[in-house]
Amino acid sequence: MRLAQHMAVAAKDVRADCIEAGEFPELAQRYRVMAVPKVVINDRVEFEGALPEREFLQAILRAVGDGPEPAA
């Protein structure tokens, strides 16, 4: 979350929201939260667990259509 918040401060087109799954069970169910952190970007790319900064940025680029698809 910290990295997402830093990106949101640095770029006006980025918004980062931190949601407590226990306080918003409907969102946790909607996004199938099984572990934390759960990151969902533009409802297109999602992952669980912390990623290194480079991989986090690649996920963002995939979500906005500017990055390569992950290898299968």
PDB file of N, CA and C in Angstrom:
ATOM      1  N   MET A   1       0.821  -1.183   0.000  1.00  0.00           N
ATOM      2  CA  MET A   1       0.000   0.000   0.000  1.00  0.00           C
ATOM      3  C   MET A   1       0.867   1.250   0.000  1.00  0.00           C
ATOM      4  N   ARG A   2       1.968   1.173   0.708  1.00  0.00           N
ATOM      5  CA  ARG A   2       2.838   2.343   0.785  1.00  0.00           C
ATOM      6  C   ARG A   2       3.326   2.761  -0.600  1.00  0.00           C
ATOM      7  N   LEU A   3       3.732   1.791  -1.415  1.00  0.00           N
ATOM      8  CA  LEU A   3       4.200   2.109  -2.763  1.00  0.00           C
ATOM      9  C   LEU A   3       3.070   2.713  -3.593  1.00  0.00           C
ATOM     10  N   ALA A   4       1.885   2.162  -3.504  1.00  0.00           N
ATOM     11  CA  ALA A   4       0.736   2.703  -4.247  1.00  0.00           C
ATOM     12  C   ALA A   4       0.438   4.126  -3.796  1.00  0.00           C
ATOM     13  N   GLN A   5       0.524   4.384  -2.518  1.00  0.00           N
ATOM     14  CA  GLN A   5       0.274   5.735  -2.018  1.00  0.00           C
ATOM     15  C   GLN A   5       1.332   6.717  -2.516  1.00  0.00           C
ATOM     16  N   HIS A   6       2.575   6.280  -2.557  1.00  0.00           N
ATOM     17  CA  HIS A   6       3.638   7.145  -3.092  1.00  0.00           C
ATOM     18  C   HIS A   6       3.384   7.459  -4.561  1.00  0.00           C
ATOM     19  N   MET A   7       2.944   6.467  -5.306  1.00  0.00           N
ATOM     20  CA  MET A   7       2.643   6.693  -6.719  1.00  0.00           C
ATOM     21  C   MET A   7       1.476   7.671  -6.874  1.00  0.00           C
ATOM     22  N   ALA A   8       0.486   7.565  -6.007  1.00  0.00           N
ATOM     23  CA  ALA A   8      -0.667   8.457  -6.070  1.00  0.00           C
ATOM     24  C   ALA A   8      -0.275   9.903  -5.761  1.00  0.00           C
ATOM     25  N   VAL A   9       0.657  10.086  -4.858  1.00  0.00           N
ATOM     26  CA  VAL A   9       1.134  11.427  -4.543  1.00  0.00           C
ATOM     27  C   VAL A   9       1.926  11.998  -5.720  1.00  0.00           C
ATOM     28  N   ALA A  10       2.687  11.147  -6.388  1.00  0.00           N
ATOM     29  CA  ALA A  10       3.557  11.598  -7.471  1.00  0.00           C
ATOM     30  C   ALA A  10       2.829  11.836  -8.791  1.00  0.00           C
ATOM     31  N   ALA A  11       1.696  11.175  -8.989  1.00  0.00           N
ATOM     32  CA  ALA A  11       1.004  11.276 -10.288  1.00  0.00           C
ATOM     33  C   ALA A  11      -0.472  11.574 -10.070  1.00  0.00           C
ATOM     34  N   LYS A  12      -0.955  12.630 -10.678  1.00  0.00           N
ATOM     35  CA  LYS A  12      -2.350  13.049 -10.466  1.00  0.00           C
ATOM     36  C   LYS A  12      -3.362  12.043 -11.013  1.00  0.00           C
ATOM     37  N   ASP A  13      -2.953  11.181 -11.946  1.00  0.00           N
ATOM     38  CA  ASP A  13      -3.867  10.198 -12.522  1.00  0.00           C
ATOM     39  C   ASP A  13      -3.900   8.884 -11.752  1.00  0.00           C
ATOM     40  N   VAL A  14      -3.195   8.815 -10.634  1.00  0.00           N
ATOM     41  CA  VAL A  14      -3.140   7.597  -9.831  1.00  0.00           C
ATOM     42  C   VAL A  14      -3.885   7.829  -8.525  1.00  0.00           C
ATOM     43  N   ARG A  15      -4.738   6.873  -8.171  1.00  0.00           N
ATOM     44  CA  ARG A  15      -5.446   6.925  -6.895  1.00  0.00           C
ATOM     45  C   ARG A  15      -5.204   5.604  -6.176  1.00  0.00           C
ATOM     46  N   ALA A  16      -4.929   5.667  -4.897  1.00  0.00           N
ATOM     47  CA  ALA A  16      -4.687   4.471  -4.094  1.00  0.00           C
ATOM     48  C   ALA A  16      -5.647   4.477  -2.911  1.00  0.00           C
ATOM     49  N   ASP A  17      -6.399   3.408  -2.768  1.00  0.00           N
ATOM     50  CA  ASP A  17      -7.313   3.254  -1.647  1.00  0.00           C
ATOM     51  C   ASP A  17      -6.938   2.001  -0.874  1.00  0.00           C
ATOM     52  N   CYS A  18      -6.859   2.121   0.427  1.00  0.00           N
ATOM     53  CA  CYS A  18      -6.586   0.984   1.295  1.00  0.00           C
ATOM     54  C   CYS A  18      -7.893   0.621   2.002  1.00  0.00           C
ATOM     55  N   ILE A  19      -8.336  -0.600   1.829  1.00  0.00           N
ATOM     56  CA  ILE A  19      -9.606  -1.052   2.391  1.00  0.00           C
ATOM     57  C   ILE A  19      -9.339  -2.158   3.409  1.00  0.00           C
ATOM     58  N   GLU A  20      -9.911  -2.046   4.573  1.00  0.00           N
ATOM     59  CA  GLU A  20      -9.815  -3.087   5.594  1.00  0.00           C
ATOM     60  C   GLU A  20     -10.894  -4.128   5.289  1.00  0.00           C
ATOM     61  N   ALA A  21     -10.467  -5.317   4.883  1.00  0.00           N
ATOM     62  CA  ALA A  21     -11.403  -6.354   4.439  1.00  0.00           C
ATOM     63  C   ALA A  21     -12.430  -6.701   5.513  1.00  0.00           C
ATOM     64  N   GLY A  22     -12.032  -6.692   6.767  1.00  0.00           N
ATOM     65  CA  GLY A  22     -12.961  -7.019   7.846  1.00  0.00           C
ATOM     66  C   GLY A  22     -14.054  -5.978   8.028  1.00  0.00           C
ATOM     67  N   GLU A  23     -13.778  -4.747   7.663  1.00  0.00           N
ATOM     68  CA  GLU A  23     -14.764  -3.675   7.780  1.00  0.00           C
ATOM     69  C   GLU A  23     -15.654  -3.562   6.548  1.00  0.00           C
ATOM     70  N   PHE A  24     -15.213  -4.121   5.433  1.00  0.00           N
ATOM     71  CA  PHE A  24     -15.971  -4.062   4.187  1.00  0.00           C
ATOM     72  C   PHE A  24     -16.072  -5.458   3.582  1.00  0.00           C
ATOM     73  N   PRO A  25     -16.802  -6.367   4.242  1.00  0.00           N
ATOM     74  CA  PRO A  25     -16.861  -7.755   3.768  1.00  0.00           C
ATOM     75  C   PRO A  25     -17.433  -7.891   2.355  1.00  0.00           C
ATOM     76  N   GLU A  26     -18.307  -6.966   1.949  1.00  0.00           N
ATOM     77  CA  GLU A  26     -18.858  -7.061   0.598  1.00  0.00           C
ATOM     78  C   GLU A  26     -17.765  -6.836  -0.459  1.00  0.00           C
ATOM     79  N   LEU A  27     -16.829  -5.947  -0.178  1.00  0.00           N
ATOM     80  CA  LEU A  27     -15.719  -5.740  -1.108  1.00  0.00           C
ATOM     81  C   LEU A  27     -14.760  -6.927  -1.079  1.00  0.00           C
ATOM     82  N   ALA A  28     -14.519  -7.465   0.108  1.00  0.00           N
ATOM     83  CA  ALA A  28     -13.644  -8.628   0.232  1.00  0.00           C
ATOM     84  C   ALA A  28     -14.214  -9.804  -0.559  1.00  0.00           C
ATOM     85  N   GLN A  29     -15.514  -9.969  -0.502  1.00  0.00           N
ATOM     86  CA  GLN A  29     -16.160 -11.049  -1.256  1.00  0.00           C
ATOM     87  C   GLN A  29     -16.115 -10.754  -2.759  1.00  0.00           C
ATOM     88  N   ARG A  30     -16.425  -9.530  -3.141  1.00  0.00           N
ATOM     89  CA  ARG A  30     -16.424  -9.146  -4.558  1.00  0.00           C
ATOM     90  C   ARG A  30     -15.070  -9.406  -5.215  1.00  0.00           C
ATOM     91  N   TYR A  31     -13.991  -9.081  -4.498  1.00  0.00           N
ATOM     92  CA  TYR A  31     -12.649  -9.239  -5.054  1.00  0.00           C
ATOM     93  C   TYR A  31     -11.969 -10.538  -4.613  1.00  0.00           C
ATOM     94  N   ARG A  32     -12.729 -11.426  -3.993  1.00  0.00           N
ATOM     95  CA  ARG A  32     -12.232 -12.746  -3.583  1.00  0.00           C
ATOM     96  C   ARG A  32     -10.921 -12.638  -2.792  1.00  0.00           C
ATOM     97  N   VAL A  33     -10.940 -11.848  -1.739  1.00  0.00           N
ATOM     98  CA  VAL A  33      -9.752 -11.664  -0.904  1.00  0.00           C
ATOM     99  C   VAL A  33      -9.553 -12.912  -0.051  1.00  0.00           C
ATOM    100  N   MET A  34      -8.430 -13.586  -0.274  1.00  0.00           N
ATOM    101  CA  MET A  34      -8.092 -14.786   0.490  1.00  0.00           C
ATOM    102  C   MET A  34      -6.830 -14.562   1.318  1.00  0.00           C
ATOM    103  N   ALA A  35      -6.049 -13.550   0.936  1.00  0.00           N
ATOM    104  CA  ALA A  35      -4.813 -13.218   1.638  1.00  0.00           C
ATOM    105  C   ALA A  35      -4.582 -11.722   1.464  1.00  0.00           C
ATOM    106  N   VAL A  36      -3.754 -11.176   2.319  1.00  0.00           N
ATOM    107  CA  VAL A  36      -3.443  -9.756   2.215  1.00  0.00           C
ATOM    108  C   VAL A  36      -1.936  -9.573   2.125  1.00  0.00           C
ATOM    109  N   PRO A  37      -1.454  -8.573   1.456  1.00  0.00           N
ATOM    110  CA  PRO A  37      -2.266  -7.590   0.757  1.00  0.00           C
ATOM    111  C   PRO A  37      -2.840  -8.160  -0.543  1.00  0.00           C
ATOM    112  N   LYS A  38      -4.016  -7.727  -0.882  1.00  0.00           N
ATOM    113  CA  LYS A  38      -4.659  -8.051  -2.162  1.00  0.00           C
ATOM    114  C   LYS A  38      -4.701  -6.747  -2.942  1.00  0.00           C
ATOM    115  N   VAL A  39      -4.116  -6.732  -4.116  1.00  0.00           N
ATOM    116  CA  VAL A  39      -4.055  -5.527  -4.931  1.00  0.00           C
ATOM    117  C   VAL A  39      -4.900  -5.748  -6.179  1.00  0.00           C
ATOM    118  N   VAL A  40      -5.783  -4.801  -6.435  1.00  0.00           N
ATOM    119  CA  VAL A  40      -6.619  -4.826  -7.632  1.00  0.00           C
ATOM    120  C   VAL A  40      -6.386  -3.503  -8.354  1.00  0.00           C
ATOM    121  N   ILE A  41      -6.014  -3.586  -9.626  1.00  0.00           N
ATOM    122  CA  ILE A  41      -5.714  -2.384 -10.401  1.00  0.00           C
ATOM    123  C   ILE A  41      -6.706  -2.292 -11.554  1.00  0.00           C
ATOM    124  N   ASN A  42      -7.538  -1.251 -11.505  1.00  0.00           N
ATOM    125  CA  ASN A  42      -8.518  -0.987 -12.561  1.00  0.00           C
ATOM    126  C   ASN A  42      -9.422  -2.183 -12.862  1.00  0.00           C
ATOM    127  N   ASP A  43      -9.656  -3.031 -11.898  1.00  0.00           N
ATOM    128  CA  ASP A  43     -10.470  -4.240 -12.082  1.00  0.00           C
ATOM    129  C   ASP A  43      -9.954  -5.130 -13.211  1.00  0.00           C
ATOM    130  N   ARG A  44      -8.704  -4.962 -13.619  1.00  0.00           N
ATOM    131  CA  ARG A  44      -8.129  -5.747 -14.722  1.00  0.00           C
ATOM    132  C   ARG A  44      -6.998  -6.658 -14.262  1.00  0.00           C
ATOM    133  N   VAL A  45      -6.179  -6.177 -13.355  1.00  0.00           N
ATOM    134  CA  VAL A  45      -5.026  -6.938 -12.878  1.00  0.00           C
ATOM    135  C   VAL A  45      -5.135  -7.025 -11.369  1.00  0.00           C
ATOM    136  N   GLU A  46      -4.912  -8.214 -10.845  1.00  0.00           N
ATOM    137  CA  GLU A  46      -4.927  -8.365  -9.387  1.00  0.00           C
ATOM    138  C   GLU A  46      -3.893  -9.398  -8.975  1.00  0.00           C
ATOM    139  N   PHE A  47      -3.405  -9.225  -7.750  1.00  0.00           N
ATOM    140  CA  PHE A  47      -2.450 -10.171  -7.193  1.00  0.00           C
ATOM    141  C   PHE A  47      -2.507 -10.084  -5.677  1.00  0.00           C
ATOM    142  N   GLU A  48      -1.999 -11.128  -5.036  1.00  0.00           N
ATOM    143  CA  GLU A  48      -1.926 -11.168  -3.578  1.00  0.00           C
ATOM    144  C   GLU A  48      -0.463 -11.212  -3.181  1.00  0.00           C
ATOM    145  N   GLY A  49      -0.163 -10.551  -2.096  1.00  0.00           N
ATOM    146  CA  GLY A  49       1.195 -10.527  -1.590  1.00  0.00           C
ATOM    147  C   GLY A  49       1.945  -9.288  -2.055  1.00  0.00           C
ATOM    148  N   ALA A  50       3.027  -9.010  -1.389  1.00  0.00           N
ATOM    149  CA  ALA A  50       3.849  -7.852  -1.721  1.00  0.00           C
ATOM    150  C   ALA A  50       4.736  -8.186  -2.915  1.00  0.00           C
ATOM    151  N   LEU A  51       4.844  -7.236  -3.825  1.00  0.00           N
ATOM    152  CA  LEU A  51       5.722  -7.396  -4.984  1.00  0.00           C
ATOM    153  C   LEU A  51       6.848  -6.382  -4.905  1.00  0.00           C
ATOM    154  N   PRO A  52       7.996  -6.730  -5.478  1.00  0.00           N
ATOM    155  CA  PRO A  52       9.048  -5.723  -5.597  1.00  0.00           C
ATOM    156  C   PRO A  52       8.536  -4.568  -6.470  1.00  0.00           C
ATOM    157  N   GLU A  53       9.117  -3.402  -6.287  1.00  0.00           N
ATOM    158  CA  GLU A  53       8.655  -2.200  -6.978  1.00  0.00           C
ATOM    159  C   GLU A  53       8.573  -2.387  -8.497  1.00  0.00           C
ATOM    160  N   ARG A  54       9.569  -3.000  -9.081  1.00  0.00           N
ATOM    161  CA  ARG A  54       9.588  -3.194 -10.540  1.00  0.00           C
ATOM    162  C   ARG A  54       8.388  -4.030 -11.005  1.00  0.00           C
ATOM    163  N   GLU A  55       8.083  -5.131 -10.308  1.00  0.00           N
ATOM    164  CA  GLU A  55       6.957  -5.990 -10.676  1.00  0.00           C
ATOM    165  C   GLU A  55       5.626  -5.288 -10.428  1.00  0.00           C
ATOM    166  N   PHE A  56       5.556  -4.476  -9.378  1.00  0.00           N
ATOM    167  CA  PHE A  56       4.350  -3.704  -9.094  1.00  0.00           C
ATOM    168  C   PHE A  56       4.083  -2.737 -10.249  1.00  0.00           C
ATOM    169  N   LEU A  57       5.117  -2.057 -10.708  1.00  0.00           N
ATOM    170  CA  LEU A  57       4.979  -1.138 -11.831  1.00  0.00           C
ATOM    171  C   LEU A  57       4.553  -1.878 -13.098  1.00  0.00           C
ATOM    172  N   GLN A  58       5.103  -3.054 -13.345  1.00  0.00           N
ATOM    173  CA  GLN A  58       4.706  -3.847 -14.509  1.00  0.00           C
ATOM    174  C   GLN A  58       3.224  -4.221 -14.430  1.00  0.00           C
ATOM    175  N   ALA A  59       2.733  -4.529 -13.232  1.00  0.00           N
ATOM    176  CA  ALA A  59       1.311  -4.846 -13.063  1.00  0.00           C
ATOM    177  C   ALA A  59       0.450  -3.629 -13.384  1.00  0.00           C
ATOM    178  N   ILE A  60       0.889  -2.466 -12.962  1.00  0.00           N
ATOM    179  CA  ILE A  60       0.150  -1.235 -13.272  1.00  0.00           C
ATOM    180  C   ILE A  60       0.124  -1.009 -14.779  1.00  0.00           C
ATOM    181  N   LEU A  61       1.252  -1.181 -15.428  1.00  0.00           N
ATOM    182  CA  LEU A  61       1.312  -0.990 -16.874  1.00  0.00           C
ATOM    183  C   LEU A  61       0.416  -1.982 -17.610  1.00  0.00           C
ATOM    184  N   ARG A  62       0.359  -3.224 -17.143  1.00  0.00           N
ATOM    185  CA  ARG A  62      -0.568  -4.193 -17.739  1.00  0.00           C
ATOM    186  C   ARG A  62      -2.006  -3.751 -17.575  1.00  0.00           C
ATOM    187  N   ALA A  63      -2.336  -3.201 -16.408  1.00  0.00           N
ATOM    188  CA  ALA A  63      -3.708  -2.793 -16.126  1.00  0.00           C
ATOM    189  C   ALA A  63      -4.165  -1.652 -17.007  1.00  0.00           C
ATOM    190  N   VAL A  64      -3.231  -0.793 -17.418  1.00  0.00           N
ATOM    191  CA  VAL A  64      -3.605   0.330 -18.274  1.00  0.00           C
ATOM    192  C   VAL A  64      -3.314   0.033 -19.741  1.00  0.00           C
ATOM    193  N   GLY A  65      -2.864  -1.180 -20.026  1.00  0.00           N
ATOM    194  CA  GLY A  65      -2.659  -1.592 -21.400  1.00  0.00           C
ATOM    195  C   GLY A  65      -1.352  -1.188 -22.016  1.00  0.00           C
ATOM    196  N   ASP A  66      -0.380  -0.791 -21.189  1.00  0.00           N
ATOM    197  CA  ASP A  66       0.919  -0.355 -21.716  1.00  0.00           C
ATOM    198  C   ASP A  66       2.049  -1.326 -21.432  1.00  0.00           C
ATOM    199  N   GLY A  67       1.722  -2.459 -20.869  1.00  0.00           N
ATOM    200  CA  GLY A  67       2.784  -3.386 -20.498  1.00  0.00           C
ATOM    201  C   GLY A  67       2.569  -4.763 -21.086  1.00  0.00           C
ATOM    202  N   PRO A  68       3.611  -5.592 -21.098  1.00  0.00           N
ATOM    203  CA  PRO A  68       3.486  -6.955 -21.625  1.00  0.00           C
ATOM    204  C   PRO A  68       2.658  -7.819 -20.702  1.00  0.00           C
ATOM    205  N   GLU A  69       1.973  -8.770 -21.272  1.00  0.00           N
ATOM    206  CA  GLU A  69       1.229  -9.747 -20.482  1.00  0.00           C
ATOM    207  C   GLU A  69       2.229 -10.642 -19.768  1.00  0.00           C
ATOM    208  N   PRO A  70       1.892 -11.115 -18.568  1.00  0.00           N
ATOM    209  CA  PRO A  70       2.824 -11.979 -17.846  1.00  0.00           C
ATOM    210  C   PRO A  70       2.991 -13.310 -18.571  1.00  0.00           C
ATOM    211  N   ALA A  71       4.165 -13.913 -18.424  1.00  0.00           N
ATOM    212  CA  ALA A  71       4.428 -15.218 -19.023  1.00  0.00           C
ATOM    213  C   ALA A  71       3.571 -16.275 -18.345  1.00  0.00           C
ATOM    214  N   ALA A  72       3.077 -17.203 -19.110  1.00  0.00           N
ATOM    215  CA  ALA A  72       2.211 -18.266 -18.563  1.00  0.00           C
ATOM    216  C   ALA A  72       3.007 -19.355 -17.921  1.00  0.00           C
TER     217      ALA A  72
END
